[in-house]
PDB file of N, CA and C in Angstrom:
ATOM      1  N   MET A   1       0.846  -1.045  -0.205  1.00  0.00           N
ATOM      2  CA  MET A   1      -0.308   0.103  -0.100  1.00  0.00           C
ATOM      3  C   MET A   1       0.632   1.311  -0.181  1.00  0.00           C
ATOM      4  N   ALA A   2       0.720   2.112  -0.899  1.00  0.00           N
ATOM      5  CA  ALA A   2       1.714   3.610  -0.926  1.00  0.00           C
ATOM      6  C   ALA A   2       1.067   4.434   0.164  1.00  0.00           C
ATOM      7  N   LYS A   3       2.275   5.005   0.601  1.00  0.00           N
ATOM      8  CA  LYS A   3       1.858   6.251   1.668  1.00  0.00           C
ATOM      9  C   LYS A   3       1.492   6.923   1.171  1.00  0.00           C
ATOM     10  N   ARG A   4       0.477   7.542   1.990  1.00  0.00           N
ATOM     11  CA  ARG A   4      -0.606   8.926   1.435  1.00  0.00           C
ATOM     12  C   ARG A   4       0.831  10.365   1.916  1.00  0.00           C
ATOM     13  N   ARG A   5       0.878  10.829   0.992  1.00  0.00           N
ATOM     14  CA  ARG A   5       1.717  12.313   1.279  1.00  0.00           C
ATOM     15  C   ARG A   5       0.965  13.106   2.004  1.00  0.00           C
ATOM     16  N   PRO A   6       1.253  13.939   2.958  1.00  0.00           N
ATOM     17  CA  PRO A   6       0.270  14.800   3.894  1.00  0.00           C
ATOM     18  C   PRO A   6      -0.014  16.227   2.742  1.00  0.00           C
ATOM     19  N   SER A   7      -0.798  16.906   3.308  1.00  0.00           N
ATOM     20  CA  SER A   7      -1.450  17.630   2.547  1.00  0.00           C
ATOM     21  C   SER A   7      -0.832  18.935   2.897  1.00  0.00           C
ATOM     22  N   LEU A   8      -0.273  20.099   2.000  1.00  0.00           N
ATOM     23  CA  LEU A   8       0.445  20.769   2.375  1.00  0.00           C
ATOM     24  C   LEU A   8      -0.370  22.276   2.847  1.00  0.00           C
ATOM     25  N   SER A   9       0.211  22.953   4.076  1.00  0.00           N
ATOM     26  CA  SER A   9      -0.741  24.201   4.175  1.00  0.00           C
ATOM     27  C   SER A   9       0.367  25.278   3.729  1.00  0.00           C
ATOM     28  N   ARG A  10      -0.410  26.273   3.616  1.00  0.00           N
ATOM     29  CA  ARG A  10       0.151  27.581   3.317  1.00  0.00           C
ATOM     30  C   ARG A  10       0.777  28.459   4.534  1.00  0.00           C
ATOM     31  N   TYR A  11       1.903  28.901   4.950  1.00  0.00           N
ATOM     32  CA  TYR A  11       2.044  29.484   6.226  1.00  0.00           C
ATOM     33  C   TYR A  11       3.513  31.253   5.459  1.00  0.00           C
ATOM     34  N   SER A  12       2.988  31.844   6.858  1.00  0.00           N
ATOM     35  CA  SER A  12       3.924  32.862   6.222  1.00  0.00           C
ATOM     36  C   SER A  12       4.693  33.332   7.123  1.00  0.00           C
ATOM     37  N   ALA A  13       5.633  33.913   7.756  1.00  0.00           N
ATOM     38  CA  ALA A  13       6.948  33.492   8.560  1.00  0.00           C
ATOM     39  C   ALA A  13       7.216  35.632   8.932  1.00  0.00           C
ATOM     40  N   ALA A  14       7.270  36.006  10.070  1.00  0.00           N
ATOM     41  CA  ALA A  14       8.093  37.764   9.833  1.00  0.00           C
ATOM     42  C   ALA A  14       9.746  36.987  10.628  1.00  0.00           C
ATOM     43  N   LEU A  15      10.428  37.532   9.573  1.00  0.00           N
ATOM     44  CA  LEU A  15      11.984  36.890  10.252  1.00  0.00           C
ATOM     45  C   LEU A  15      12.706  38.305  10.719  1.00  0.00           C
ATOM     46  N   LEU A  16      13.230  38.107  11.554  1.00  0.00           N
ATOM     47  CA  LEU A  16      14.256  39.746  11.945  1.00  0.00           C
ATOM     48  C   LEU A  16      15.695  38.983  11.637  1.00  0.00           C
ATOM     49  N   PHE A  17      16.352  40.026  10.882  1.00  0.00           N
ATOM     50  CA  PHE A  17      17.807  40.229  10.716  1.00  0.00           C
ATOM     51  C   PHE A  17      18.472  41.336  11.432  1.00  0.00           C
ATOM     52  N   GLN A  18      19.872  41.135  11.790  1.00  0.00           N
ATOM     53  CA  GLN A  18      20.462  42.335  12.257  1.00  0.00           C
ATOM     54  C   GLN A  18      21.990  42.273  11.567  1.00  0.00           C
ATOM     55  N   TYR A  19      21.714  43.653  11.520  1.00  0.00           N
ATOM     56  CA  TYR A  19      23.593  44.213  10.806  1.00  0.00           C
ATOM     57  C   TYR A  19      24.175  44.355  11.950  1.00  0.00           C
ATOM     58  N   ARG A  20      25.245  43.705  12.010  1.00  0.00           N
ATOM     59  CA  ARG A  20      26.583  43.755  13.003  1.00  0.00           C
ATOM     60  C   ARG A  20      27.502  43.487  12.815  1.00  0.00           C
ATOM     61  N   VAL A  21      27.858  45.112  13.103  1.00  0.00           N
ATOM     62  CA  VAL A  21      29.236  45.562  12.490  1.00  0.00           C
ATOM     63  C   VAL A  21      30.339  45.232  13.557  1.00  0.00           C
ATOM     64  N   VAL A  22      31.890  44.745  13.105  1.00  0.00           N
ATOM     65  CA  VAL A  22      33.029  44.176  14.193  1.00  0.00           C
ATOM     66  C   VAL A  22      33.932  45.528  13.784  1.00  0.00           C
ATOM     67  N   THR A  23      34.628  46.708  14.432  1.00  0.00           N
ATOM     68  CA  THR A  23      35.669  47.079  14.318  1.00  0.00           C
ATOM     69  C   THR A  23      36.709  47.174  15.099  1.00  0.00           C
ATOM     70  N   ASP A  24      37.491  46.563  14.714  1.00  0.00           N
ATOM     71  CA  ASP A  24      38.880  46.759  15.591  1.00  0.00           C
ATOM     72  C   ASP A  24      38.684  45.203  17.327  1.00  0.00           C
ATOM     73  N   GLY A  25      37.753  44.855  16.737  1.00  0.00           N
ATOM     74  CA  GLY A  25      37.564  43.756  17.723  1.00  0.00           C
ATOM     75  C   GLY A  25      36.100  43.907  18.509  1.00  0.00           C
ATOM     76  N   VAL A  26      35.511  45.224  18.163  1.00  0.00           N
ATOM     77  CA  VAL A  26      34.314  45.629  18.990  1.00  0.00           C
ATOM     78  C   VAL A  26      32.889  45.206  18.397  1.00  0.00           C
ATOM     79  N   ALA A  27      31.999  45.307  18.470  1.00  0.00           N
ATOM     80  CA  ALA A  27      30.775  44.841  17.986  1.00  0.00           C
ATOM     81  C   ALA A  27      29.884  46.282  18.108  1.00  0.00           C
ATOM     82  N   ASN A  28      29.398  47.037  17.215  1.00  0.00           N
ATOM     83  CA  ASN A  28      28.154  47.967  17.222  1.00  0.00           C
ATOM     84  C   ASN A  28      27.233  47.678  18.067  1.00  0.00           C
ATOM     85  N   ARG A  29      27.029  48.702  19.272  1.00  0.00           N
ATOM     86  CA  ARG A  29      25.571  48.021  19.755  1.00  0.00           C
ATOM     87  C   ARG A  29      24.065  48.837  18.880  1.00  0.00           C
ATOM     88  N   ARG A  30      24.326  49.596  18.843  1.00  0.00           N
ATOM     89  CA  ARG A  30      22.937  49.619  17.861  1.00  0.00           C
ATOM     90  C   ARG A  30      22.857  49.685  16.391  1.00  0.00           C
ATOM     91  N   ARG A  31      21.763  48.455  16.081  1.00  0.00           N
ATOM     92  CA  ARG A  31      22.490  47.729  14.454  1.00  0.00           C
ATOM     93  C   ARG A  31      21.005  47.829  14.138  1.00  0.00           C
ATOM     94  N   THR A  32      21.462  48.241  12.797  1.00  0.00           N
ATOM     95  CA  THR A  32      20.003  48.413  11.902  1.00  0.00           C
ATOM     96  C   THR A  32      19.494  47.161  11.536  1.00  0.00           C
ATOM     97  N   CYS A  33      18.434  46.341  11.432  1.00  0.00           N
ATOM     98  CA  CYS A  33      17.831  45.206  10.893  1.00  0.00           C
ATOM     99  C   CYS A  33      16.521  45.034  10.138  1.00  0.00           C
ATOM    100  N   GLU A  34      16.599  44.370   9.525  1.00  0.00           N
ATOM    101  CA  GLU A  34      15.778  44.007   8.481  1.00  0.00           C
ATOM    102  C   GLU A  34      14.232  43.086   8.975  1.00  0.00           C
ATOM    103  N   LYS A  35      13.621  43.207   8.644  1.00  0.00           N
ATOM    104  CA  LYS A  35      12.115  42.115   8.832  1.00  0.00           C
ATOM    105  C   LYS A  35      11.408  42.411   7.505  1.00  0.00           C
ATOM    106  N   ARG A  36      11.611  40.578   7.340  1.00  0.00           N
ATOM    107  CA  ARG A  36      11.376  40.156   6.202  1.00  0.00           C
ATOM    108  C   ARG A  36       9.984  39.617   6.269  1.00  0.00           C
ATOM    109  N   ILE A  37       9.310  39.198   5.536  1.00  0.00           N
ATOM    110  CA  ILE A  37       8.286  38.264   5.442  1.00  0.00           C
ATOM    111  C   ILE A  37       8.090  37.335   4.064  1.00  0.00           C
ATOM    112  N   ILE A  38       8.149  36.015   4.514  1.00  0.00           N
ATOM    113  CA  ILE A  38       8.374  34.712   3.787  1.00  0.00           C
ATOM    114  C   ILE A  38       6.990  34.278   3.618  1.00  0.00           C
ATOM    115  N   HIS A  39       6.724  33.582   2.551  1.00  0.00           N
ATOM    116  CA  HIS A  39       5.673  32.953   2.327  1.00  0.00           C
ATOM    117  C   HIS A  39       5.910  31.491   1.686  1.00  0.00           C
ATOM    118  N   PHE A  40       5.342  30.676   2.208  1.00  0.00           N
ATOM    119  CA  PHE A  40       5.840  29.013   1.997  1.00  0.00           C
ATOM    120  C   PHE A  40       4.529  27.945   2.512  1.00  0.00           C
ATOM    121  N   GLN A  41       4.446  26.612   1.484  1.00  0.00           N
ATOM    122  CA  GLN A  41       3.803  25.802   1.891  1.00  0.00           C
ATOM    123  C   GLN A  41       4.369  24.424   2.819  1.00  0.00           C
ATOM    124  N   ALA A  42       3.997  24.008   4.434  1.00  0.00           N
ATOM    125  CA  ALA A  42       4.684  23.193   4.858  1.00  0.00           C
ATOM    126  C   ALA A  42       3.213  22.269   5.626  1.00  0.00           C
ATOM    127  N   ALA A  43       3.805  21.079   5.913  1.00  0.00           N
ATOM    128  CA  ALA A  43       2.756  20.038   6.328  1.00  0.00           C
ATOM    129  C   ALA A  43       2.284  20.498   7.705  1.00  0.00           C
ATOM    130  N   ASP A  44       2.623  20.877   8.537  1.00  0.00           N
ATOM    131  CA  ASP A  44       2.124  21.870  10.322  1.00  0.00           C
ATOM    132  C   ASP A  44       3.125  22.575  10.761  1.00  0.00           C
ATOM    133  N   GLY A  45       2.521  23.146  11.670  1.00  0.00           N
ATOM    134  CA  GLY A  45       2.839  24.123  12.329  1.00  0.00           C
ATOM    135  C   GLY A  45       4.761  24.139  12.443  1.00  0.00           C
ATOM    136  N   ARG A  46       4.393  22.643  13.202  1.00  0.00           N
ATOM    137  CA  ARG A  46       6.436  22.703  13.374  1.00  0.00           C
ATOM    138  C   ARG A  46       7.637  22.761  12.249  1.00  0.00           C
ATOM    139  N   ALA A  47       7.354  21.883  11.303  1.00  0.00           N
ATOM    140  CA  ALA A  47       7.614  21.924  10.034  1.00  0.00           C
ATOM    141  C   ALA A  47       7.583  23.286   9.413  1.00  0.00           C
ATOM    142  N   ALA A  48       6.423  23.892   9.802  1.00  0.00           N
ATOM    143  CA  ALA A  48       6.412  25.412   8.966  1.00  0.00           C
ATOM    144  C   ALA A  48       8.046  26.390  10.057  1.00  0.00           C
ATOM    145  N   LEU A  49       8.011  26.049  11.190  1.00  0.00           N
ATOM    146  CA  LEU A  49       8.573  27.137  12.159  1.00  0.00           C
ATOM    147  C   LEU A  49      10.811  26.310  11.537  1.00  0.00           C
ATOM    148  N   ARG A  50      10.098  25.017  11.403  1.00  0.00           N
ATOM    149  CA  ARG A  50      11.732  24.680  11.098  1.00  0.00           C
ATOM    150  C   ARG A  50      11.777  25.231   9.922  1.00  0.00           C
ATOM    151  N   HIS A  51      11.044  25.801   9.000  1.00  0.00           N
ATOM    152  CA  HIS A  51      11.726  25.847   7.513  1.00  0.00           C
ATOM    153  C   HIS A  51      11.768  27.270   7.947  1.00  0.00           C
ATOM    154  N   ALA A  52      10.622  27.852   8.410  1.00  0.00           N
ATOM    155  CA  ALA A  52      11.410  29.713   8.233  1.00  0.00           C
ATOM    156  C   ALA A  52      12.804  29.516   9.163  1.00  0.00           C
ATOM    157  N   LYS A  53      12.816  28.602  10.101  1.00  0.00           N
ATOM    158  CA  LYS A  53      14.296  28.993  10.636  1.00  0.00           C
ATOM    159  C   LYS A  53      15.493  28.824   9.532  1.00  0.00           C
ATOM    160  N   LYS A  54      15.062  27.679   9.203  1.00  0.00           N
ATOM    161  CA  LYS A  54      15.755  27.209   7.662  1.00  0.00           C
ATOM    162  C   LYS A  54      16.522  28.222   6.719  1.00  0.00           C
ATOM    163  N   ARG A  55      15.680  29.095   6.390  1.00  0.00           N
ATOM    164  CA  ARG A  55      15.381  30.152   5.528  1.00  0.00           C
ATOM    165  C   ARG A  55      16.386  30.876   6.008  1.00  0.00           C
ATOM    166  N   GLY A  56      15.572  31.556   7.890  1.00  0.00           N
ATOM    167  CA  GLY A  56      16.420  32.323   8.294  1.00  0.00           C
ATOM    168  C   GLY A  56      18.001  32.203   7.841  1.00  0.00           C
ATOM    169  N   ARG A  57      18.572  31.207   8.598  1.00  0.00           N
ATOM    170  CA  ARG A  57      19.982  30.738   8.426  1.00  0.00           C
ATOM    171  C   ARG A  57      20.881  30.915   7.027  1.00  0.00           C
ATOM    172  N   GLN A  58      20.255  30.690   6.449  1.00  0.00           N
ATOM    173  CA  GLN A  58      20.408  30.545   5.062  1.00  0.00           C
ATOM    174  C   GLN A  58      20.441  32.175   4.082  1.00  0.00           C
ATOM    175  N   ALA A  59      19.810  32.661   4.783  1.00  0.00           N
ATOM    176  CA  ALA A  59      20.305  34.132   4.386  1.00  0.00           C
ATOM    177  C   ALA A  59      21.510  34.611   4.881  1.00  0.00           C
ATOM    178  N   GLU A  60      22.045  33.983   6.068  1.00  0.00           N
ATOM    179  CA  GLU A  60      23.153  34.750   6.780  1.00  0.00           C
ATOM    180  C   GLU A  60      24.744  35.039   5.902  1.00  0.00           C
ATOM    181  N   HIS A  61      25.234  36.423   6.172  1.00  0.00           N
ATOM    182  CA  HIS A  61      26.273  36.442   5.583  1.00  0.00           C
ATOM    183  C   HIS A  61      26.781  37.183   6.197  1.00  0.00           C
ATOM    184  N   LYS A  62      28.335  37.533   5.466  1.00  0.00           N
ATOM    185  CA  LYS A  62      29.499  38.590   6.338  1.00  0.00           C
ATOM    186  C   LYS A  62      30.399  39.265   5.083  1.00  0.00           C
ATOM    187  N   TRP A  63      30.713  40.507   5.437  1.00  0.00           N
ATOM    188  CA  TRP A  63      31.535  41.149   4.069  1.00  0.00           C
ATOM    189  C   TRP A  63      32.055  41.917   4.827  1.00  0.00           C
ATOM    190  N   LYS A  64      33.626  42.311   3.969  1.00  0.00           N
ATOM    191  CA  LYS A  64      34.266  43.657   4.981  1.00  0.00           C
ATOM    192  C   LYS A  64      34.013  44.634   4.081  1.00  0.00           C
ATOM    193  N   ASN A  65      33.340  45.722   5.177  1.00  0.00           N
ATOM    194  CA  ASN A  65      33.184  47.265   4.567  1.00  0.00           C
ATOM    195  C   ASN A  65      34.319  48.225   4.133  1.00  0.00           C
ATOM    196  N   LYS A  66      33.993  49.547   3.790  1.00  0.00           N
ATOM    197  CA  LYS A  66      34.648  50.001   3.270  1.00  0.00           C
ATOM    198  C   LYS A  66      36.246  50.449   4.294  1.00  0.00           C
ATOM    199  N   ASP A  67      35.745  50.718   5.212  1.00  0.00           N
ATOM    200  CA  ASP A  67      36.567  51.287   6.611  1.00  0.00           C
ATOM    201  C   ASP A  67      37.324  49.535   7.117  1.00  0.00           C
ATOM    202  N   GLY A  68      37.358  48.199   6.355  1.00  0.00           N
ATOM    203  CA  GLY A  68      37.669  47.175   6.689  1.00  0.00           C
ATOM    204  C   GLY A  68      37.288  46.740   7.979  1.00  0.00           C
ATOM    205  N   GLY A  69      35.518  46.983   8.248  1.00  0.00           N
ATOM    206  CA  GLY A  69      35.265  46.452   9.550  1.00  0.00           C
ATOM    207  C   GLY A  69      34.481  45.345   8.900  1.00  0.00           C
ATOM    208  N   GLN A  70      34.360  43.913  10.036  1.00  0.00           N
ATOM    209  CA  GLN A  70      33.580  42.797   9.418  1.00  0.00           C
ATOM    210  C   GLN A  70      32.017  42.686   9.079  1.00  0.00           C
ATOM    211  N   VAL A  71      31.009  42.813   8.258  1.00  0.00           N
ATOM    212  CA  VAL A  71      29.761  43.066   9.126  1.00  0.00           C
ATOM    213  C   VAL A  71      29.159  41.768   8.579  1.00  0.00           C
ATOM    214  N   PHE A  72      28.082  41.420   9.994  1.00  0.00           N
ATOM    215  CA  PHE A  72      27.822  40.191   9.970  1.00  0.00           C
ATOM    216  C   PHE A  72      25.904  40.535   9.539  1.00  0.00           C
ATOM    217  N   PHE A  73      25.370  39.771   8.763  1.00  0.00           N
ATOM    218  CA  PHE A  73      24.074  39.677   8.355  1.00  0.00           C
ATOM    219  C   PHE A  73      23.769  38.822   9.342  1.00  0.00           C
ATOM    220  N   GLU A  74      22.785  38.786  10.026  1.00  0.00           N
ATOM    221  CA  GLU A  74      22.596  37.447  11.047  1.00  0.00           C
ATOM    222  C   GLU A  74      21.372  37.216  11.405  1.00  0.00           C
ATOM    223  N   PHE A  75      20.882  36.158  11.316  1.00  0.00           N
ATOM    224  CA  PHE A  75      18.959  35.915  11.662  1.00  0.00           C
ATOM    225  C   PHE A  75      19.202  35.863  12.840  1.00  0.00           C
ATOM    226  N   VAL A  76      17.811  36.641  13.564  1.00  0.00           N
ATOM    227  CA  VAL A  76      18.103  36.865  14.993  1.00  0.00           C
ATOM    228  C   VAL A  76      16.500  35.786  15.523  1.00  0.00           C
ATOM    229  N   GLY A  77      15.542  35.642  14.390  1.00  0.00           N
ATOM    230  CA  GLY A  77      15.127  34.508  14.851  1.00  0.00           C
ATOM    231  C   GLY A  77      13.576  34.717  14.251  1.00  0.00           C
ATOM    232  N   VAL A  78      12.568  33.871  14.335  1.00  0.00           N
ATOM    233  CA  VAL A  78      11.036  34.291  13.899  1.00  0.00           C
ATOM    234  C   VAL A  78      10.195  34.745  14.848  1.00  0.00           C
ATOM    235  N   ARG A  79       9.807  35.809  14.484  1.00  0.00           N
ATOM    236  CA  ARG A  79       8.842  36.850  15.061  1.00  0.00           C
ATOM    237  C   ARG A  79       7.390  36.422  14.747  1.00  0.00           C
ATOM    238  N   ASP A  80       6.980  36.252  13.785  1.00  0.00           N
ATOM    239  CA  ASP A  80       5.180  35.791  13.804  1.00  0.00           C
ATOM    240  C   ASP A  80       5.618  34.565  12.715  1.00  0.00           C
ATOM    241  N   LEU A  81       4.826  33.597  13.107  1.00  0.00           N
ATOM    242  CA  LEU A  81       4.648  32.701  11.900  1.00  0.00           C
ATOM    243  C   LEU A  81       3.037  32.407  12.035  1.00  0.00           C
ATOM    244  N   ILE A  82       2.449  32.481  10.821  1.00  0.00           N
ATOM    245  CA  ILE A  82       1.101  32.616  10.540  1.00  0.00           C
ATOM    246  C   ILE A  82       0.432  31.282   9.302  1.00  0.00           C
ATOM    247  N   GLY A  83      -0.184  30.778  10.332  1.00  0.00           N
ATOM    248  CA  GLY A  83      -0.800  29.243   9.297  1.00  0.00           C
ATOM    249  C   GLY A  83      -1.841  30.176   8.517  1.00  0.00           C
ATOM    250  N   CYS A  84      -2.226  30.203   7.641  1.00  0.00           N
ATOM    251  CA  CYS A  84      -3.208  30.785   6.029  1.00  0.00           C
ATOM    252  C   CYS A  84      -4.094  30.076   6.056  1.00  0.00           C
ATOM    253  N   ASP A  85      -5.227  30.603   6.585  1.00  0.00           N
ATOM    254  CA  ASP A  85      -6.672  30.029   6.292  1.00  0.00           C
ATOM    255  C   ASP A  85      -6.819  29.307   5.210  1.00  0.00           C
ATOM    256  N   PRO A  86      -7.027  28.686   4.759  1.00  0.00           N
ATOM    257  CA  PRO A  86      -7.609  27.747   3.597  1.00  0.00           C
ATOM    258  C   PRO A  86      -8.422  28.503   2.764  1.00  0.00           C
ATOM    259  N   ALA A  87      -9.566  29.845   3.861  1.00  0.00           N
ATOM    260  CA  ALA A  87     -10.475  30.216   3.270  1.00  0.00           C
ATOM    261  C   ALA A  87      -9.609  31.407   2.320  1.00  0.00           C
ATOM    262  N   CYS A  88      -8.413  31.558   2.841  1.00  0.00           N
ATOM    263  CA  CYS A  88      -7.700  33.059   1.989  1.00  0.00           C
ATOM    264  C   CYS A  88      -7.867  32.573   0.530  1.00  0.00           C
ATOM    265  N   GLU A  89      -7.687  33.941  -0.453  1.00  0.00           N
ATOM    266  CA  GLU A  89      -7.490  33.468  -2.149  1.00  0.00           C
ATOM    267  C   GLU A  89      -6.179  33.075  -1.987  1.00  0.00           C
ATOM    268  N   PRO A  90      -5.695  32.670  -3.198  1.00  0.00           N
ATOM    269  CA  PRO A  90      -4.414  32.133  -3.335  1.00  0.00           C
ATOM    270  C   PRO A  90      -2.979  32.961  -3.001  1.00  0.00           C
ATOM    271  N   ASP A  91      -3.807  34.701  -3.520  1.00  0.00           N
ATOM    272  CA  ASP A  91      -2.619  35.647  -3.210  1.00  0.00           C
ATOM    273  C   ASP A  91      -2.953  36.167  -1.896  1.00  0.00           C
ATOM    274  N   GLU A  92      -3.436  35.911  -1.036  1.00  0.00           N
ATOM    275  CA  GLU A  92      -3.830  36.814   0.441  1.00  0.00           C
ATOM    276  C   GLU A  92      -2.797  35.612   1.400  1.00  0.00           C
ATOM    277  N   VAL A  93      -2.431  36.405   2.215  1.00  0.00           N
ATOM    278  CA  VAL A  93      -1.488  35.769   3.038  1.00  0.00           C
ATOM    279  C   VAL A  93      -2.090  35.684   4.807  1.00  0.00           C
ATOM    280  N   TRP A  94      -3.082  36.296   4.915  1.00  0.00           N
ATOM    281  CA  TRP A  94      -3.525  36.729   6.598  1.00  0.00           C
ATOM    282  C   TRP A  94      -5.072  37.837   6.252  1.00  0.00           C
ATOM    283  N   TYR A  95      -6.183  37.096   6.970  1.00  0.00           N
ATOM    284  CA  TYR A  95      -7.189  38.075   7.051  1.00  0.00           C
ATOM    285  C   TYR A  95      -7.818  38.085   8.867  1.00  0.00           C
ATOM    286  N   GLN A  96      -8.478  38.757   9.161  1.00  0.00           N
ATOM    287  CA  GLN A  96      -8.740  38.964  10.748  1.00  0.00           C
ATOM    288  C   GLN A  96      -9.944  39.138  10.618  1.00  0.00           C
ATOM    289  N   ILE A  97     -11.054  38.900  11.616  1.00  0.00           N
ATOM    290  CA  ILE A  97     -12.772  39.652  11.343  1.00  0.00           C
ATOM    291  C   ILE A  97     -12.776  40.424  12.336  1.00  0.00           C
ATOM    292  N   VAL A  98     -13.085  41.543  13.001  1.00  0.00           N
ATOM    293  CA  VAL A  98     -12.818  42.366  13.814  1.00  0.00           C
ATOM    294  C   VAL A  98     -13.771  43.519  14.042  1.00  0.00           C
ATOM    295  N   GLU A  99     -14.322  43.831  15.161  1.00  0.00           N
ATOM    296  CA  GLU A  99     -15.407  45.163  15.368  1.00  0.00           C
ATOM    297  C   GLU A  99     -14.815  46.357  15.761  1.00  0.00           C
ATOM    298  N   MET A 100     -15.339  47.114  14.784  1.00  0.00           N
ATOM    299  CA  MET A 100     -14.558  48.440  15.137  1.00  0.00           C
ATOM    300  C   MET A 100     -15.960  49.442  15.144  1.00  0.00           C
ATOM    301  N   MET A 101     -15.566  50.747  15.940  1.00  0.00           N
ATOM    302  CA  MET A 101     -16.534  51.807  15.657  1.00  0.00           C
ATOM    303  C   MET A 101     -16.126  52.397  14.587  1.00  0.00           C
ATOM    304  N   THR A 102     -17.381  52.689  13.516  1.00  0.00           N
ATOM    305  CA  THR A 102     -17.476  53.785  12.589  1.00  0.00           C
ATOM    306  C   THR A 102     -16.074  53.526  12.228  1.00  0.00           C
ATOM    307  N   PRO A 103     -16.023  52.740  11.399  1.00  0.00           N
ATOM    308  CA  PRO A 103     -14.568  52.938  10.701  1.00  0.00           C
ATOM    309  C   PRO A 103     -14.482  53.942   9.220  1.00  0.00           C
ATOM    310  N   MET A 104     -15.263  54.096   8.616  1.00  0.00           N
ATOM    311  CA  MET A 104     -15.529  54.659   7.352  1.00  0.00           C
ATOM    312  C   MET A 104     -15.595  55.546   7.875  1.00  0.00           C
ATOM    313  N   GLU A 105     -16.322  56.439   8.644  1.00  0.00           N
ATOM    314  CA  GLU A 105     -16.161  57.884   9.313  1.00  0.00           C
ATOM    315  C   GLU A 105     -15.031  58.357   9.433  1.00  0.00           C
ATOM    316  N   ARG A 106     -13.918  57.147  10.471  1.00  0.00           N
ATOM    317  CA  ARG A 106     -12.594  57.529  10.865  1.00  0.00           C
ATOM    318  C   ARG A 106     -11.641  56.786  10.016  1.00  0.00           C
ATOM    319  N   ARG A 107     -11.681  56.725   8.957  1.00  0.00           N
ATOM    320  CA  ARG A 107     -10.744  55.670   8.395  1.00  0.00           C
ATOM    321  C   ARG A 107      -9.732  57.060   7.877  1.00  0.00           C
ATOM    322  N   GLY A 108     -10.201  58.234   7.900  1.00  0.00           N
ATOM    323  CA  GLY A 108      -8.815  59.234   8.042  1.00  0.00           C
ATOM    324  C   GLY A 108      -7.987  59.246   9.001  1.00  0.00           C
ATOM    325  N   ILE A 109      -8.240  58.178  10.194  1.00  0.00           N
ATOM    326  CA  ILE A 109      -6.847  57.670  11.035  1.00  0.00           C
ATOM    327  C   ILE A 109      -6.838  56.906  11.125  1.00  0.00           C
ATOM    328  N   LEU A 110      -7.728  55.735  10.760  1.00  0.00           N
ATOM    329  CA  LEU A 110      -7.306  54.232  10.745  1.00  0.00           C
ATOM    330  C   LEU A 110      -6.121  54.175   9.440  1.00  0.00           C
ATOM    331  N   ILE A 111      -6.510  54.805   7.964  1.00  0.00           N
ATOM    332  CA  ILE A 111      -5.724  54.616   7.293  1.00  0.00           C
ATOM    333  C   ILE A 111      -4.731  55.631   6.740  1.00  0.00           C
ATOM    334  N   PRO A 112      -3.307  55.262   7.021  1.00  0.00           N
ATOM    335  CA  PRO A 112      -2.338  56.228   6.565  1.00  0.00           C
ATOM    336  C   PRO A 112      -2.414  56.879   5.052  1.00  0.00           C
ATOM    337  N   PRO A 113      -1.860  57.930   5.468  1.00  0.00           N
ATOM    338  CA  PRO A 113      -1.779  58.669   4.114  1.00  0.00           C
ATOM    339  C   PRO A 113      -0.958  57.996   3.111  1.00  0.00           C
ATOM    340  N   GLU A 114      -1.128  58.016   1.553  1.00  0.00           N
ATOM    341  CA  GLU A 114      -0.534  57.404   0.462  1.00  0.00           C
ATOM    342  C   GLU A 114       0.894  57.733   0.498  1.00  0.00           C
ATOM    343  N   SER A 115       1.313  59.344   1.416  1.00  0.00           N
ATOM    344  CA  SER A 115       2.780  59.608   1.123  1.00  0.00           C
ATOM    345  C   SER A 115       3.469  58.889   2.179  1.00  0.00           C
ATOM    346  N   GLU A 116       2.468  58.586   3.211  1.00  0.00           N
ATOM    347  CA  GLU A 116       3.781  57.490   4.340  1.00  0.00           C
ATOM    348  C   GLU A 116       3.384  56.246   3.590  1.00  0.00           C
TER     349      GLU A 116
END
């Protein structure tokens, strides 16, 4: 009897990275960071977390800057893992149903201007 393959679900993960610069053996304390959202399929939540961590580690790299300091692009961790509901459209990552007071009347407060 053939083994049945588990169906894959869609997940999104918010990853956090840092740029750590080491000059004369001393690392900077204030660091530029990158927040990155990736989208992928996995069998379940545990597999999704493993995949997200693996993708983060694979993105790490290092180089020398123009001043001779060593720059490390490092994976800090997974900030959020979202299981995409099967009811989502194929291009939709996430949705939430909430109650709000008069959202259309308050859209100027709730929705940032296009210039932002």
